[in-house]
Amino acid sequence: MTKKIVPILVISIFIVIVVTLFLSLSSSKKMIVVKDGNIKQLPIDMKSGVFQDSDCGMVINDLQDASQVIIKSGKSWFFHDNGGLVKWLEDKEFKDSAKIWVMSRDTKRWIDAREAFYSLRDKTAMGYGFGAYEKKSDEYVDFDTMRLRMLRGETLRNPSIKKQLLGY
């Protein structure tokens, strides 16, 4: 009987220690997950290592594919991959009215996500492949097409799509 209890007890203690460490690290770093007060719905100046992705919870260490969702009340959420932004936003009641800003890979500035163009082949934080661009290219798709591809699972994370787009 005790031979069965000891492994369960050890595993339980290990899980408690890991969870405690994770929570203490996130609170000690004072990560920004949601920010209030952005009534003008302008992009917030993000700093690497300070913001946390609202979809996956990871620290945003690279702003190359960063994005922000801001609703009329001024509440703002942050993301490090445009695909994750789309996935997170899909079931929100404000998905059509929210202001969405994405970091442009070509001009390195915040642009309106719905007016941006998206690559299907870029290396992004979560591997979806949707880098945002301000300047149009024949290879890029619009926001609605990118959103639809993301929701259908037609991303670089899908092996058949990856092979189709990248050849491997």
N, C-alpha and C. Protein backbone atom coordinates (compact mmCIF):
# COMPACT_ATOMS: atom_id res chain seq x y z
N MET A 1 0.82 -1.19 0.00
CA MET A 1 0.00 0.00 0.00
C MET A 1 0.87 1.27 0.00
N THR A 2 1.88 1.33 0.89
CA THR A 2 2.73 2.51 0.94
C THR A 2 3.61 2.63 -0.29
N LYS A 3 3.87 1.50 -0.97
CA LYS A 3 4.65 1.56 -2.20
C LYS A 3 3.91 2.31 -3.28
N LYS A 4 2.61 2.32 -3.25
CA LYS A 4 1.80 3.05 -4.23
C LYS A 4 1.63 4.51 -3.85
N ILE A 5 1.61 4.80 -2.59
CA ILE A 5 1.38 6.16 -2.11
C ILE A 5 2.63 7.03 -2.27
N VAL A 6 3.81 6.48 -2.04
CA VAL A 6 5.05 7.25 -2.10
C VAL A 6 5.26 7.90 -3.47
N PRO A 7 5.14 7.18 -4.61
CA PRO A 7 5.32 7.85 -5.90
C PRO A 7 4.29 8.95 -6.16
N ILE A 8 3.07 8.71 -5.76
CA ILE A 8 2.01 9.72 -5.94
C ILE A 8 2.34 10.95 -5.10
N LEU A 9 2.80 10.75 -3.87
CA LEU A 9 3.16 11.86 -3.00
C LEU A 9 4.34 12.65 -3.57
N VAL A 10 5.34 11.97 -4.07
CA VAL A 10 6.52 12.63 -4.66
C VAL A 10 6.12 13.45 -5.88
N ILE A 11 5.31 12.89 -6.74
CA ILE A 11 4.85 13.61 -7.93
C ILE A 11 4.01 14.82 -7.54
N SER A 12 3.15 14.67 -6.57
CA SER A 12 2.31 15.80 -6.12
C SER A 12 3.16 16.93 -5.57
N ILE A 13 4.17 16.59 -4.77
CA ILE A 13 5.06 17.62 -4.21
C ILE A 13 5.83 18.31 -5.33
N PHE A 14 6.31 17.57 -6.30
CA PHE A 14 7.02 18.14 -7.43
C PHE A 14 6.13 19.12 -8.20
N ILE A 15 4.90 18.74 -8.47
CA ILE A 15 3.97 19.62 -9.19
C ILE A 15 3.72 20.90 -8.41
N VAL A 16 3.53 20.80 -7.11
CA VAL A 16 3.31 21.98 -6.27
C VAL A 16 4.52 22.91 -6.33
N ILE A 17 5.72 22.35 -6.28
CA ILE A 17 6.94 23.17 -6.34
C ILE A 17 7.05 23.89 -7.68
N VAL A 18 6.79 23.19 -8.78
CA VAL A 18 6.88 23.80 -10.12
C VAL A 18 5.85 24.92 -10.26
N VAL A 19 4.64 24.67 -9.86
CA VAL A 19 3.58 25.70 -9.95
C VAL A 19 3.94 26.91 -9.10
N THR A 20 4.42 26.68 -7.89
CA THR A 20 4.81 27.78 -7.01
C THR A 20 5.94 28.61 -7.62
N LEU A 21 6.95 27.95 -8.18
CA LEU A 21 8.04 28.67 -8.84
C LEU A 21 7.55 29.50 -10.01
N PHE A 22 6.69 28.91 -10.83
CA PHE A 22 6.16 29.62 -11.99
C PHE A 22 5.38 30.86 -11.57
N LEU A 23 4.52 30.72 -10.58
CA LEU A 23 3.73 31.86 -10.12
C LEU A 23 4.59 32.94 -9.48
N SER A 24 5.59 32.54 -8.71
CA SER A 24 6.45 33.54 -8.07
C SER A 24 7.30 34.28 -9.08
N LEU A 25 7.77 33.58 -10.11
CA LEU A 25 8.57 34.25 -11.15
C LEU A 25 7.73 35.26 -11.92
N SER A 26 6.51 34.88 -12.28
CA SER A 26 5.68 35.80 -13.07
C SER A 26 5.27 37.01 -12.23
N SER A 27 5.02 36.82 -10.95
CA SER A 27 4.63 37.97 -10.13
C SER A 27 5.83 38.84 -9.79
N SER A 28 7.02 38.25 -9.64
CA SER A 28 8.19 39.05 -9.31
C SER A 28 8.65 39.88 -10.49
N LYS A 29 8.43 39.40 -11.71
CA LYS A 29 8.81 40.17 -12.88
C LYS A 29 7.78 41.24 -13.21
N LYS A 30 6.60 41.16 -12.61
CA LYS A 30 5.52 42.11 -12.84
C LYS A 30 5.20 42.21 -14.33
N MET A 31 4.96 41.07 -14.93
CA MET A 31 4.63 41.00 -16.35
C MET A 31 3.31 41.71 -16.62
N ILE A 32 3.23 42.38 -17.77
CA ILE A 32 1.98 43.03 -18.17
C ILE A 32 1.24 42.07 -19.09
N VAL A 33 0.08 41.63 -18.64
CA VAL A 33 -0.75 40.72 -19.41
C VAL A 33 -1.89 41.49 -20.06
N VAL A 34 -2.52 42.35 -19.29
CA VAL A 34 -3.62 43.21 -19.76
C VAL A 34 -3.36 44.59 -19.22
N LYS A 35 -3.63 45.59 -20.03
CA LYS A 35 -3.42 46.97 -19.58
C LYS A 35 -4.71 47.74 -19.78
N ASP A 36 -5.10 48.50 -18.80
CA ASP A 36 -6.31 49.32 -18.88
C ASP A 36 -5.97 50.78 -19.19
N GLY A 37 -6.97 51.55 -19.60
CA GLY A 37 -6.82 52.99 -19.75
C GLY A 37 -6.44 53.49 -21.13
N ASN A 38 -6.39 52.64 -22.13
CA ASN A 38 -6.00 53.07 -23.48
C ASN A 38 -7.25 53.47 -24.28
N ILE A 39 -7.93 54.49 -23.82
CA ILE A 39 -9.20 54.92 -24.42
C ILE A 39 -9.04 55.36 -25.87
N LYS A 40 -7.91 55.93 -26.22
CA LYS A 40 -7.68 56.38 -27.60
C LYS A 40 -7.40 55.22 -28.55
N GLN A 41 -7.21 54.03 -28.00
CA GLN A 41 -6.96 52.81 -28.75
C GLN A 41 -5.73 52.92 -29.67
N LEU A 42 -4.71 53.59 -29.17
CA LEU A 42 -3.44 53.71 -29.90
C LEU A 42 -2.51 52.60 -29.45
N PRO A 43 -1.56 52.20 -30.30
CA PRO A 43 -0.65 51.12 -29.89
C PRO A 43 0.20 51.54 -28.70
N ILE A 44 0.34 50.63 -27.77
CA ILE A 44 1.15 50.85 -26.58
C ILE A 44 2.60 50.52 -26.93
N ASP A 45 3.51 51.34 -26.43
CA ASP A 45 4.93 51.12 -26.66
C ASP A 45 5.36 49.89 -25.86
N MET A 46 5.52 48.78 -26.54
CA MET A 46 5.88 47.53 -25.87
C MET A 46 7.40 47.41 -25.75
N LYS A 47 7.82 46.82 -24.66
CA LYS A 47 9.23 46.55 -24.43
C LYS A 47 9.42 45.04 -24.34
N SER A 48 10.46 44.56 -24.93
CA SER A 48 10.78 43.14 -24.92
C SER A 48 10.99 42.66 -23.48
N GLY A 49 10.40 41.50 -23.15
CA GLY A 49 10.56 40.91 -21.84
C GLY A 49 9.68 41.47 -20.75
N VAL A 50 8.76 42.38 -21.08
CA VAL A 50 7.90 43.01 -20.09
C VAL A 50 6.44 42.57 -20.24
N PHE A 51 6.05 42.23 -21.45
CA PHE A 51 4.66 41.86 -21.75
C PHE A 51 4.52 40.36 -21.89
N GLN A 52 3.33 39.87 -21.57
CA GLN A 52 3.05 38.44 -21.65
C GLN A 52 1.94 38.21 -22.67
N ASP A 53 2.11 37.20 -23.50
CA ASP A 53 1.16 36.86 -24.56
C ASP A 53 -0.16 36.40 -23.94
N SER A 54 -1.25 37.02 -24.38
CA SER A 54 -2.58 36.71 -23.84
C SER A 54 -3.12 35.38 -24.34
N ASP A 55 -2.55 34.83 -25.40
CA ASP A 55 -3.02 33.55 -25.92
C ASP A 55 -2.29 32.39 -25.25
N CYS A 56 -0.97 32.40 -25.30
CA CYS A 56 -0.21 31.24 -24.81
C CYS A 56 0.45 31.47 -23.47
N GLY A 57 0.51 32.72 -23.00
CA GLY A 57 1.10 33.01 -21.70
C GLY A 57 2.60 33.20 -21.69
N MET A 58 3.25 33.04 -22.84
CA MET A 58 4.71 33.19 -22.89
C MET A 58 5.11 34.67 -22.81
N VAL A 59 6.32 34.91 -22.33
CA VAL A 59 6.86 36.26 -22.30
C VAL A 59 7.16 36.68 -23.73
N ILE A 60 6.82 37.91 -24.07
CA ILE A 60 7.08 38.42 -25.42
C ILE A 60 8.50 39.00 -25.43
N ASN A 61 9.42 38.23 -25.96
CA ASN A 61 10.83 38.63 -25.99
C ASN A 61 11.26 39.21 -27.33
N ASP A 62 10.44 39.06 -28.34
CA ASP A 62 10.74 39.57 -29.67
C ASP A 62 9.50 40.29 -30.19
N LEU A 63 9.66 41.54 -30.56
CA LEU A 63 8.51 42.35 -31.00
C LEU A 63 8.28 42.28 -32.51
N GLN A 64 9.06 41.49 -33.23
CA GLN A 64 8.96 41.43 -34.69
C GLN A 64 7.55 41.11 -35.17
N ASP A 65 6.85 40.21 -34.49
CA ASP A 65 5.49 39.84 -34.87
C ASP A 65 4.49 40.15 -33.76
N ALA A 66 4.81 41.14 -32.95
CA ALA A 66 3.93 41.51 -31.84
C ALA A 66 2.65 42.15 -32.35
N SER A 67 1.60 42.00 -31.55
CA SER A 67 0.31 42.62 -31.89
C SER A 67 -0.42 42.97 -30.61
N GLN A 68 -1.42 43.83 -30.77
CA GLN A 68 -2.21 44.31 -29.64
C GLN A 68 -3.68 44.37 -30.04
N VAL A 69 -4.55 44.00 -29.12
CA VAL A 69 -5.98 44.13 -29.29
C VAL A 69 -6.46 45.12 -28.24
N ILE A 70 -7.16 46.16 -28.69
CA ILE A 70 -7.62 47.20 -27.77
C ILE A 70 -9.11 47.42 -27.99
N ILE A 71 -9.89 47.34 -26.91
CA ILE A 71 -11.33 47.55 -27.05
C ILE A 71 -11.69 48.97 -26.62
N LYS A 72 -12.92 49.37 -26.89
CA LYS A 72 -13.35 50.76 -26.66
C LYS A 72 -13.21 51.21 -25.22
N SER A 73 -13.30 50.30 -24.27
CA SER A 73 -13.13 50.65 -22.85
C SER A 73 -11.68 50.98 -22.51
N GLY A 74 -10.75 50.70 -23.44
CA GLY A 74 -9.34 50.99 -23.22
C GLY A 74 -8.53 49.80 -22.75
N LYS A 75 -9.16 48.66 -22.63
CA LYS A 75 -8.45 47.45 -22.21
C LYS A 75 -7.64 46.91 -23.38
N SER A 76 -6.37 46.55 -23.11
CA SER A 76 -5.44 46.11 -24.15
C SER A 76 -4.86 44.75 -23.81
N TRP A 77 -4.75 43.88 -24.81
CA TRP A 77 -4.12 42.56 -24.70
C TRP A 77 -2.96 42.49 -25.69
N PHE A 78 -1.99 41.62 -25.42
CA PHE A 78 -0.75 41.60 -26.19
C PHE A 78 -0.42 40.18 -26.67
N PHE A 79 0.25 40.11 -27.83
CA PHE A 79 0.55 38.83 -28.47
C PHE A 79 1.92 38.88 -29.14
N HIS A 80 2.55 37.72 -29.31
CA HIS A 80 3.84 37.67 -30.01
C HIS A 80 3.76 36.91 -31.32
N ASP A 81 2.57 36.50 -31.74
CA ASP A 81 2.39 35.83 -33.02
C ASP A 81 1.00 36.18 -33.53
N ASN A 82 0.92 36.62 -34.77
CA ASN A 82 -0.37 37.05 -35.33
C ASN A 82 -1.38 35.91 -35.40
N GLY A 83 -0.91 34.70 -35.57
CA GLY A 83 -1.80 33.55 -35.56
C GLY A 83 -2.45 33.35 -34.20
N GLY A 84 -1.68 33.50 -33.14
CA GLY A 84 -2.21 33.39 -31.79
C GLY A 84 -3.24 34.46 -31.50
N LEU A 85 -2.98 35.66 -32.00
CA LEU A 85 -3.94 36.76 -31.86
C LEU A 85 -5.29 36.37 -32.47
N VAL A 86 -5.27 35.84 -33.69
CA VAL A 86 -6.50 35.44 -34.38
C VAL A 86 -7.23 34.36 -33.59
N LYS A 87 -6.49 33.36 -33.14
CA LYS A 87 -7.08 32.25 -32.39
C LYS A 87 -7.74 32.78 -31.11
N TRP A 88 -7.04 33.64 -30.38
CA TRP A 88 -7.55 34.19 -29.13
C TRP A 88 -8.79 35.05 -29.36
N LEU A 89 -8.77 35.86 -30.38
CA LEU A 89 -9.84 36.84 -30.63
C LEU A 89 -11.13 36.22 -31.13
N GLU A 90 -11.07 35.06 -31.72
CA GLU A 90 -12.21 34.48 -32.43
C GLU A 90 -13.48 34.36 -31.61
N ASP A 91 -13.41 34.00 -30.37
CA ASP A 91 -14.64 33.81 -29.59
C ASP A 91 -15.01 35.01 -28.71
N LYS A 92 -14.33 36.12 -28.92
CA LYS A 92 -14.62 37.33 -28.12
C LYS A 92 -15.76 38.12 -28.76
N GLU A 93 -16.64 38.66 -27.94
CA GLU A 93 -17.78 39.42 -28.45
C GLU A 93 -17.35 40.71 -29.15
N PHE A 94 -16.15 41.18 -28.87
CA PHE A 94 -15.65 42.42 -29.46
C PHE A 94 -14.73 42.17 -30.65
N LYS A 95 -14.73 40.96 -31.20
CA LYS A 95 -13.76 40.62 -32.27
C LYS A 95 -13.87 41.52 -33.49
N ASP A 96 -15.07 42.02 -33.80
CA ASP A 96 -15.23 42.88 -34.98
C ASP A 96 -15.04 44.36 -34.67
N SER A 97 -15.20 44.75 -33.42
CA SER A 97 -15.11 46.17 -33.07
C SER A 97 -13.76 46.57 -32.47
N ALA A 98 -12.98 45.62 -32.06
CA ALA A 98 -11.69 45.94 -31.43
C ALA A 98 -10.71 46.54 -32.43
N LYS A 99 -9.87 47.39 -31.93
CA LYS A 99 -8.77 47.94 -32.73
C LYS A 99 -7.61 46.97 -32.59
N ILE A 100 -7.05 46.55 -33.73
CA ILE A 100 -5.95 45.59 -33.71
C ILE A 100 -4.74 46.22 -34.38
N TRP A 101 -3.64 46.24 -33.65
CA TRP A 101 -2.37 46.76 -34.16
C TRP A 101 -1.39 45.61 -34.31
N VAL A 102 -0.64 45.60 -35.40
CA VAL A 102 0.42 44.62 -35.62
C VAL A 102 1.71 45.36 -35.94
N MET A 103 2.82 44.75 -35.55
CA MET A 103 4.12 45.32 -35.89
C MET A 103 4.45 44.90 -37.32
N SER A 104 4.73 45.89 -38.15
CA SER A 104 5.07 45.63 -39.55
C SER A 104 6.51 45.18 -39.67
N ARG A 105 6.72 44.09 -40.37
CA ARG A 105 8.09 43.59 -40.57
C ARG A 105 8.88 44.48 -41.53
N ASP A 106 8.20 45.13 -42.48
CA ASP A 106 8.95 45.91 -43.47
C ASP A 106 9.20 47.35 -43.03
N THR A 107 8.28 47.97 -42.33
CA THR A 107 8.48 49.37 -41.92
C THR A 107 8.79 49.52 -40.43
N LYS A 108 8.70 48.41 -39.69
CA LYS A 108 9.04 48.40 -38.25
C LYS A 108 8.21 49.40 -37.45
N ARG A 109 6.93 49.51 -37.78
CA ARG A 109 6.05 50.39 -37.01
C ARG A 109 4.69 49.71 -36.83
N TRP A 110 3.91 50.22 -35.91
CA TRP A 110 2.58 49.67 -35.65
C TRP A 110 1.63 50.09 -36.77
N ILE A 111 0.91 49.12 -37.31
CA ILE A 111 -0.07 49.40 -38.37
C ILE A 111 -1.38 48.70 -38.04
N ASP A 112 -2.45 49.17 -38.65
CA ASP A 112 -3.78 48.57 -38.46
C ASP A 112 -3.76 47.15 -39.03
N ALA A 113 -4.07 46.17 -38.21
CA ALA A 113 -4.01 44.76 -38.62
C ALA A 113 -4.94 44.46 -39.78
N ARG A 114 -6.08 45.12 -39.83
CA ARG A 114 -7.06 44.84 -40.88
C ARG A 114 -6.65 45.43 -42.23
N GLU A 115 -5.66 46.32 -42.22
CA GLU A 115 -5.16 46.91 -43.46
C GLU A 115 -3.78 46.36 -43.85
N ALA A 116 -3.23 45.52 -43.01
CA ALA A 116 -1.90 44.94 -43.26
C ALA A 116 -2.00 43.79 -44.27
N PHE A 117 -0.84 43.40 -44.75
CA PHE A 117 -0.72 42.24 -45.65
C PHE A 117 0.12 41.20 -44.91
N TYR A 118 -0.15 39.93 -45.16
CA TYR A 118 0.47 38.87 -44.37
C TYR A 118 1.15 37.84 -45.26
N SER A 119 2.37 37.54 -44.87
CA SER A 119 3.10 36.45 -45.49
C SER A 119 2.54 35.14 -44.95
N LEU A 120 2.70 34.08 -45.70
CA LEU A 120 2.29 32.76 -45.24
C LEU A 120 3.49 31.94 -44.82
N ARG A 121 4.71 32.48 -45.02
CA ARG A 121 5.94 31.69 -44.90
C ARG A 121 6.96 32.19 -43.89
N ASP A 122 6.65 33.19 -43.11
CA ASP A 122 7.65 33.74 -42.18
C ASP A 122 7.83 32.86 -40.96
N LYS A 123 9.02 32.89 -40.40
CA LYS A 123 9.28 32.21 -39.13
C LYS A 123 8.75 33.12 -38.02
N THR A 124 7.74 32.64 -37.30
CA THR A 124 7.12 33.43 -36.23
C THR A 124 7.25 32.69 -34.90
N ALA A 125 6.98 33.39 -33.82
CA ALA A 125 7.20 32.85 -32.48
C ALA A 125 6.51 31.51 -32.23
N MET A 126 5.29 31.35 -32.68
CA MET A 126 4.55 30.11 -32.46
C MET A 126 4.51 29.24 -33.72
N GLY A 127 5.18 29.68 -34.77
CA GLY A 127 5.31 28.86 -35.96
C GLY A 127 4.14 28.89 -36.93
N TYR A 128 3.24 29.84 -36.78
CA TYR A 128 2.09 29.91 -37.70
C TYR A 128 2.49 30.44 -39.08
N GLY A 129 3.46 31.35 -39.12
CA GLY A 129 3.99 31.82 -40.40
C GLY A 129 3.46 33.13 -40.91
N PHE A 130 2.58 33.81 -40.16
CA PHE A 130 1.92 35.02 -40.66
C PHE A 130 2.62 36.30 -40.20
N GLY A 131 3.67 36.70 -40.90
CA GLY A 131 4.32 37.97 -40.63
C GLY A 131 3.51 39.09 -41.27
N ALA A 132 3.39 40.23 -40.60
CA ALA A 132 2.60 41.36 -41.10
C ALA A 132 3.50 42.36 -41.84
N TYR A 133 2.96 42.92 -42.93
CA TYR A 133 3.67 43.90 -43.76
C TYR A 133 2.77 45.06 -44.10
N GLU A 134 3.37 46.22 -44.19
CA GLU A 134 2.62 47.41 -44.58
C GLU A 134 2.52 47.53 -46.09
N LYS A 135 3.58 47.12 -46.78
CA LYS A 135 3.61 47.24 -48.23
C LYS A 135 3.16 45.92 -48.87
N LYS A 136 2.30 46.04 -49.85
CA LYS A 136 1.70 44.88 -50.50
C LYS A 136 2.70 44.17 -51.41
N SER A 137 2.56 42.86 -51.48
CA SER A 137 3.32 42.02 -52.38
C SER A 137 2.37 40.97 -52.93
N ASP A 138 2.66 40.47 -54.13
CA ASP A 138 1.80 39.44 -54.72
C ASP A 138 1.74 38.18 -53.87
N GLU A 139 2.77 37.94 -53.07
CA GLU A 139 2.84 36.75 -52.22
C GLU A 139 1.99 36.87 -50.96
N TYR A 140 1.61 38.07 -50.58
CA TYR A 140 0.93 38.30 -49.31
C TYR A 140 -0.58 38.21 -49.46
N VAL A 141 -1.24 37.96 -48.33
CA VAL A 141 -2.70 37.90 -48.30
C VAL A 141 -3.22 38.99 -47.36
N ASP A 142 -4.51 39.30 -47.48
CA ASP A 142 -5.10 40.31 -46.61
C ASP A 142 -5.47 39.69 -45.25
N PHE A 143 -5.94 40.52 -44.35
CA PHE A 143 -6.26 40.09 -42.98
C PHE A 143 -7.32 38.99 -42.97
N ASP A 144 -8.40 39.17 -43.74
CA ASP A 144 -9.49 38.19 -43.73
C ASP A 144 -9.01 36.82 -44.22
N THR A 145 -8.15 36.81 -45.23
CA THR A 145 -7.62 35.55 -45.75
C THR A 145 -6.69 34.91 -44.73
N MET A 146 -5.83 35.71 -44.10
CA MET A 146 -4.94 35.19 -43.06
C MET A 146 -5.76 34.61 -41.92
N ARG A 147 -6.78 35.33 -41.49
CA ARG A 147 -7.64 34.87 -40.40
C ARG A 147 -8.30 33.54 -40.74
N LEU A 148 -8.83 33.44 -41.93
CA LEU A 148 -9.50 32.21 -42.37
C LEU A 148 -8.51 31.04 -42.41
N ARG A 149 -7.33 31.29 -42.94
CA ARG A 149 -6.30 30.23 -43.00
C ARG A 149 -5.91 29.78 -41.59
N MET A 150 -5.79 30.72 -40.69
CA MET A 150 -5.44 30.38 -39.31
C MET A 150 -6.52 29.51 -38.69
N LEU A 151 -7.77 29.91 -38.83
CA LEU A 151 -8.87 29.18 -38.22
C LEU A 151 -9.08 27.80 -38.85
N ARG A 152 -8.69 27.64 -40.09
CA ARG A 152 -8.77 26.34 -40.76
C ARG A 152 -7.56 25.45 -40.46
N GLY A 153 -6.55 26.01 -39.83
CA GLY A 153 -5.34 25.24 -39.54
C GLY A 153 -4.38 25.21 -40.71
N GLU A 154 -4.53 26.13 -41.65
CA GLU A 154 -3.66 26.20 -42.82
C GLU A 154 -2.46 27.09 -42.51
N THR A 155 -1.63 26.61 -41.61
CA THR A 155 -0.47 27.37 -41.14
C THR A 155 0.78 26.52 -41.34
N LEU A 156 1.93 27.11 -41.06
CA LEU A 156 3.18 26.37 -41.17
C LEU A 156 3.31 25.29 -40.10
N ARG A 157 2.43 25.29 -39.12
CA ARG A 157 2.43 24.23 -38.11
C ARG A 157 1.79 22.95 -38.66
N ASN A 158 1.08 23.08 -39.76
CA ASN A 158 0.46 21.94 -40.42
C ASN A 158 1.48 21.37 -41.41
N PRO A 159 1.94 20.12 -41.22
CA PRO A 159 3.00 19.57 -42.08
C PRO A 159 2.68 19.60 -43.58
N SER A 160 1.43 19.35 -43.96
CA SER A 160 1.11 19.35 -45.40
C SER A 160 1.12 20.78 -45.96
N ILE A 161 0.69 21.75 -45.19
CA ILE A 161 0.75 23.16 -45.63
C ILE A 161 2.20 23.61 -45.69
N LYS A 162 2.99 23.22 -44.69
CA LYS A 162 4.41 23.58 -44.68
C LYS A 162 5.12 23.04 -45.92
N LYS A 163 4.83 21.79 -46.24
CA LYS A 163 5.45 21.19 -47.44
C LYS A 163 4.99 21.91 -48.71
N GLN A 164 3.70 22.24 -48.76
CA GLN A 164 3.16 22.95 -49.92
C GLN A 164 3.79 24.33 -50.10
N LEU A 165 3.97 25.05 -49.00
CA LEU A 165 4.48 26.42 -49.06
C LEU A 165 6.01 26.49 -49.12
N LEU A 166 6.68 25.60 -48.39
CA LEU A 166 8.13 25.69 -48.30
C LEU A 166 8.86 24.59 -49.06
N GLY A 167 8.13 23.57 -49.48
CA GLY A 167 8.74 22.50 -50.23
C GLY A 167 9.42 21.44 -49.40
N TYR A 168 9.26 21.50 -48.07
CA TYR A 168 9.84 20.45 -47.20
C TYR A 168 8.96 20.22 -46.00
